[in-house]
Amino acid sequence: MRKICRCFALVLGLVPASASQAFASPKGDAVAVVRHYYRAINAHHYRTAFKDWDHAESGVLPTGQSYAAFKTGFRATAHVWVEAGPAGELEGAAGSSFVEVPVTVHAFTTQGARQTFTGTYTLRKSNLSQTDGATAEMRRWHIFAAALRVAR
């Protein structure tokens, strides 16, 4: 029953994605991160959304984007939500796991226009142990790349 309550709380956005690791599957955690990311953007909590990206602690995303540029990119976004599909197969390389999550993103601009995007997010987490120097933060899923396009 406790697991059901936690999962229900996660769906409602009451439990942060990182807290879900104790009861969700490894691939399910990746989907939870994508959902958490869009909940943060919708709430205009851009710093929280930025932290869902890989290497955010450095202040620059893998895309080369700074936090200031990231935040500015959402200045015309009034509301956003995501439909995240099931994660694909886990892949591994050089001490990391990768997984793709298919998405459809729905947004309304501050001018009232509706936008829809489809594509995938690639998430990454370290497979290294704490003994090997990986922190708990490194071992959770982070957004590594996004491939979105305008839906027609």
C-alpha atoms as a PDB file:
ATOM      1  CA  MET A   1       0.000   0.000   0.000  1.00  0.00           C
ATOM      2  CA  ARG A   2       2.866   2.370   0.828  1.00  0.00           C
ATOM      3  CA  LYS A   3       4.348   1.876  -2.647  1.00  0.00           C
ATOM      4  CA  ILE A   4       0.993   2.681  -4.256  1.00  0.00           C
ATOM      5  CA  CYS A   5       0.697   5.887  -2.206  1.00  0.00           C
ATOM      6  CA  ARG A   6       4.206   6.994  -3.167  1.00  0.00           C
ATOM      7  CA  CYS A   7       3.540   6.284  -6.832  1.00  0.00           C
ATOM      8  CA  PHE A   8       0.277   8.230  -6.639  1.00  0.00           C
ATOM      9  CA  ALA A   9       2.135  11.133  -4.995  1.00  0.00           C
ATOM     10  CA  LEU A  10       4.747  11.019  -7.760  1.00  0.00           C
ATOM     11  CA  VAL A  11       2.066  11.191 -10.463  1.00  0.00           C
ATOM     12  CA  LEU A  12       0.551  14.204  -8.738  1.00  0.00           C
ATOM     13  CA  GLY A  13       3.963  15.867  -8.552  1.00  0.00           C
ATOM     14  CA  LEU A  14       4.182  15.704  -4.769  1.00  0.00           C
ATOM     15  CA  VAL A  15       7.404  13.707  -4.669  1.00  0.00           C
ATOM     16  CA  PRO A  16      10.504  14.995  -6.489  1.00  0.00           C
ATOM     17  CA  ALA A  17      11.949  12.692  -9.135  1.00  0.00           C
ATOM     18  CA  SER A  18      15.119  12.054  -7.122  1.00  0.00           C
ATOM     19  CA  ALA A  19      13.032  10.771  -4.192  1.00  0.00           C
ATOM     20  CA  SER A  20      11.376   8.196  -6.433  1.00  0.00           C
ATOM     21  CA  GLN A  21      14.520   6.124  -6.813  1.00  0.00           C
ATOM     22  CA  ALA A  22      13.656   3.960  -3.825  1.00  0.00           C
ATOM     23  CA  PHE A  23      10.501   2.584  -5.413  1.00  0.00           C
ATOM     24  CA  ALA A  24      10.564   3.061  -9.197  1.00  0.00           C
ATOM     25  CA  SER A  25      12.280   0.975 -11.823  1.00  0.00           C
ATOM     26  CA  PRO A  26      15.556   2.310 -13.251  1.00  0.00           C
ATOM     27  CA  LYS A  27      13.902   3.231 -16.556  1.00  0.00           C
ATOM     28  CA  GLY A  28      10.851   4.603 -14.746  1.00  0.00           C
ATOM     29  CA  ASP A  29      13.133   6.983 -12.881  1.00  0.00           C
ATOM     30  CA  ALA A  30      14.231   8.431 -16.227  1.00  0.00           C
ATOM     31  CA  VAL A  31      10.615   9.081 -17.219  1.00  0.00           C
ATOM     32  CA  ALA A  32      10.022  10.669 -13.791  1.00  0.00           C
ATOM     33  CA  VAL A  33      12.913  13.078 -14.402  1.00  0.00           C
ATOM     34  CA  VAL A  34      11.374  14.224 -17.709  1.00  0.00           C
ATOM     35  CA  ARG A  35       8.014  14.779 -15.998  1.00  0.00           C
ATOM     36  CA  HIS A  36       9.705  16.610 -13.111  1.00  0.00           C
ATOM     37  CA  TYR A  37      11.527  18.823 -15.615  1.00  0.00           C
ATOM     38  CA  TYR A  38       8.290  19.958 -17.242  1.00  0.00           C
ATOM     39  CA  ARG A  39       6.505  20.444 -13.922  1.00  0.00           C
ATOM     40  CA  ALA A  40       9.346  22.761 -12.882  1.00  0.00           C
ATOM     41  CA  ILE A  41       9.176  24.708 -16.166  1.00  0.00           C
ATOM     42  CA  ASN A  42       5.412  25.037 -15.904  1.00  0.00           C
ATOM     43  CA  ALA A  43       5.809  26.417 -12.366  1.00  0.00           C
ATOM     44  CA  HIS A  44       8.500  28.816 -13.684  1.00  0.00           C
ATOM     45  CA  HIS A  45      11.075  27.150 -11.403  1.00  0.00           C
ATOM     46  CA  TYR A  46      13.794  27.353 -14.020  1.00  0.00           C
ATOM     47  CA  ARG A  47      16.705  26.697 -11.631  1.00  0.00           C
ATOM     48  CA  THR A  48      15.050  23.407 -10.628  1.00  0.00           C
ATOM     49  CA  ALA A  49      14.502  22.458 -14.283  1.00  0.00           C
ATOM     50  CA  PHE A  50      18.091  23.416 -15.131  1.00  0.00           C
ATOM     51  CA  LYS A  51      19.353  21.016 -12.427  1.00  0.00           C
ATOM     52  CA  ASP A  52      17.628  18.117 -14.204  1.00  0.00           C
ATOM     53  CA  TRP A  53      20.263  18.441 -16.950  1.00  0.00           C
ATOM     54  CA  ASP A  54      23.595  16.609 -16.943  1.00  0.00           C
ATOM     55  CA  HIS A  55      26.516  18.740 -15.694  1.00  0.00           C
ATOM     56  CA  ALA A  56      24.182  21.538 -14.532  1.00  0.00           C
ATOM     57  CA  GLU A  57      26.357  21.965 -11.443  1.00  0.00           C
ATOM     58  CA  SER A  58      29.060  23.414 -13.716  1.00  0.00           C
ATOM     59  CA  GLY A  59      26.674  26.198 -14.744  1.00  0.00           C
ATOM     60  CA  VAL A  60      26.808  25.163 -18.404  1.00  0.00           C
ATOM     61  CA  LEU A  61      24.731  22.396 -19.965  1.00  0.00           C
ATOM     62  CA  PRO A  62      26.110  19.821 -22.446  1.00  0.00           C
ATOM     63  CA  THR A  63      24.436  21.996 -25.096  1.00  0.00           C
ATOM     64  CA  GLY A  64      26.753  24.872 -24.112  1.00  0.00           C
ATOM     65  CA  GLN A  65      23.830  26.839 -22.701  1.00  0.00           C
ATOM     66  CA  SER A  66      24.235  28.835 -19.477  1.00  0.00           C
ATOM     67  CA  TYR A  67      21.499  29.094 -16.858  1.00  0.00           C
ATOM     68  CA  ALA A  68      20.743  32.675 -17.955  1.00  0.00           C
ATOM     69  CA  ALA A  69      20.262  31.580 -21.586  1.00  0.00           C
ATOM     70  CA  PHE A  70      18.208  28.573 -20.457  1.00  0.00           C
ATOM     71  CA  LYS A  71      15.861  30.783 -18.422  1.00  0.00           C
ATOM     72  CA  THR A  72      15.573  33.352 -21.212  1.00  0.00           C
ATOM     73  CA  GLY A  73      14.536  30.575 -23.593  1.00  0.00           C
ATOM     74  CA  PHE A  74      11.265  30.198 -21.663  1.00  0.00           C
ATOM     75  CA  ARG A  75      10.350  33.892 -21.374  1.00  0.00           C
ATOM     76  CA  ALA A  76       7.497  33.509 -23.899  1.00  0.00           C
ATOM     77  CA  THR A  77       6.199  30.238 -22.381  1.00  0.00           C
ATOM     78  CA  ALA A  78       3.056  30.660 -20.276  1.00  0.00           C
ATOM     79  CA  HIS A  79       2.218  26.964 -19.683  1.00  0.00           C
ATOM     80  CA  VAL A  80       3.744  23.653 -20.660  1.00  0.00           C
ATOM     81  CA  TRP A  81       3.065  19.969 -20.043  1.00  0.00           C
ATOM     82  CA  VAL A  82       4.507  16.731 -21.327  1.00  0.00           C
ATOM     83  CA  GLU A  83       3.216  13.341 -22.360  1.00  0.00           C
ATOM     84  CA  ALA A  84       6.142  11.026 -21.712  1.00  0.00           C
ATOM     85  CA  GLY A  85       6.081   7.551 -23.183  1.00  0.00           C
ATOM     86  CA  PRO A  86       7.805   4.492 -21.763  1.00  0.00           C
ATOM     87  CA  ALA A  87      11.583   4.596 -21.732  1.00  0.00           C
ATOM     88  CA  GLY A  88      13.446   2.639 -24.387  1.00  0.00           C
ATOM     89  CA  GLU A  89      16.106   0.018 -23.845  1.00  0.00           C
ATOM     90  CA  LEU A  90      18.986   0.765 -21.503  1.00  0.00           C
ATOM     91  CA  GLU A  91      22.316   1.244 -23.229  1.00  0.00           C
ATOM     92  CA  GLY A  92      25.722   1.486 -21.616  1.00  0.00           C
ATOM     93  CA  ALA A  93      29.059   3.074 -22.442  1.00  0.00           C
ATOM     94  CA  ALA A  94      32.166   4.013 -20.439  1.00  0.00           C
ATOM     95  CA  GLY A  95      30.641   3.731 -16.961  1.00  0.00           C
ATOM     96  CA  SER A  96      27.309   5.313 -17.887  1.00  0.00           C
ATOM     97  CA  SER A  97      23.805   4.141 -18.720  1.00  0.00           C
ATOM     98  CA  PHE A  98      21.693   5.917 -21.328  1.00  0.00           C
ATOM     99  CA  VAL A  99      17.998   5.675 -22.109  1.00  0.00           C
ATOM    100  CA  GLU A 100      15.689   7.532 -24.484  1.00  0.00           C
ATOM    101  CA  VAL A 101      12.255   8.784 -23.418  1.00  0.00           C
ATOM    102  CA  PRO A 102       9.771   9.679 -26.197  1.00  0.00           C
ATOM    103  CA  VAL A 103       7.737  12.817 -25.550  1.00  0.00           C
ATOM    104  CA  THR A 104       5.020  15.068 -26.856  1.00  0.00           C
ATOM    105  CA  VAL A 105       5.293  18.550 -25.383  1.00  0.00           C
ATOM    106  CA  HIS A 106       2.327  20.921 -25.337  1.00  0.00           C
ATOM    107  CA  ALA A 107       2.875  24.609 -24.622  1.00  0.00           C
ATOM    108  CA  PHE A 108       1.024  27.897 -24.662  1.00  0.00           C
ATOM    109  CA  THR A 109       2.953  31.084 -25.265  1.00  0.00           C
ATOM    110  CA  THR A 110       2.367  34.289 -23.346  1.00  0.00           C
ATOM    111  CA  GLN A 111       0.559  35.491 -26.492  1.00  0.00           C
ATOM    112  CA  GLY A 112      -1.874  32.555 -26.310  1.00  0.00           C
ATOM    113  CA  ALA A 113      -0.509  30.510 -29.218  1.00  0.00           C
ATOM    114  CA  ARG A 114      -0.451  26.733 -28.798  1.00  0.00           C
ATOM    115  CA  GLN A 115       2.727  24.856 -29.692  1.00  0.00           C
ATOM    116  CA  THR A 116       3.291  21.105 -29.870  1.00  0.00           C
ATOM    117  CA  PHE A 117       6.651  19.375 -30.147  1.00  0.00           C
ATOM    118  CA  THR A 118       7.543  15.697 -30.469  1.00  0.00           C
ATOM    119  CA  GLY A 119      10.814  13.871 -30.054  1.00  0.00           C
ATOM    120  CA  THR A 120      12.994  12.256 -27.444  1.00  0.00           C
ATOM    121  CA  TYR A 121      15.076  13.057 -24.422  1.00  0.00           C
ATOM    122  CA  THR A 122      18.222  11.041 -23.815  1.00  0.00           C
ATOM    123  CA  LEU A 123      19.019  10.602 -20.147  1.00  0.00           C
ATOM    124  CA  ARG A 124      22.308   9.513 -18.589  1.00  0.00           C
ATOM    125  CA  LYS A 125      23.447   8.292 -15.193  1.00  0.00           C
ATOM    126  CA  SER A 126      26.722   6.964 -13.857  1.00  0.00           C
ATOM    127  CA  ASN A 127      27.123   3.235 -13.300  1.00  0.00           C
ATOM    128  CA  LEU A 128      30.129   3.778 -11.048  1.00  0.00           C
ATOM    129  CA  SER A 129      29.842   2.968  -7.377  1.00  0.00           C
ATOM    130  CA  GLN A 130      30.419   5.260  -4.444  1.00  0.00           C
ATOM    131  CA  THR A 131      33.668   3.375  -3.908  1.00  0.00           C
ATOM    132  CA  ASP A 132      34.708   4.418  -7.420  1.00  0.00           C
ATOM    133  CA  GLY A 133      33.994   8.051  -6.557  1.00  0.00           C
ATOM    134  CA  ALA A 134      30.484   8.483  -7.978  1.00  0.00           C
ATOM    135  CA  THR A 135      28.160  10.541  -5.810  1.00  0.00           C
ATOM    136  CA  ALA A 136      24.472   9.806  -5.374  1.00  0.00           C
ATOM    137  CA  GLU A 137      23.787  12.817  -7.609  1.00  0.00           C
ATOM    138  CA  MET A 138      25.943  11.305 -10.375  1.00  0.00           C
ATOM    139  CA  ARG A 139      24.069   7.993 -10.077  1.00  0.00           C
ATOM    140  CA  ARG A 140      20.612   9.513 -10.699  1.00  0.00           C
ATOM    141  CA  TRP A 141      19.182  10.164 -14.164  1.00  0.00           C
ATOM    142  CA  HIS A 142      19.909  13.544 -15.779  1.00  0.00           C
ATOM    143  CA  ILE A 143      18.858  14.882 -19.166  1.00  0.00           C
ATOM    144  CA  PHE A 144      21.808  14.480 -21.507  1.00  0.00           C
ATOM    145  CA  ALA A 145      20.292  15.543 -24.841  1.00  0.00           C
ATOM    146  CA  ALA A 146      17.000  16.603 -26.405  1.00  0.00           C
ATOM    147  CA  ALA A 147      15.796  16.049 -29.961  1.00  0.00           C
ATOM    148  CA  LEU A 148      12.483  17.871 -30.355  1.00  0.00           C
ATOM    149  CA  ARG A 149      10.749  19.165 -33.473  1.00  0.00           C
ATOM    150  CA  VAL A 150       7.558  21.054 -34.141  1.00  0.00           C
ATOM    151  CA  ALA A 151       4.676  18.615 -34.566  1.00  0.00           C
ATOM    152  CA  ARG A 152       2.668  19.010 -37.760  1.00  0.00           C
END
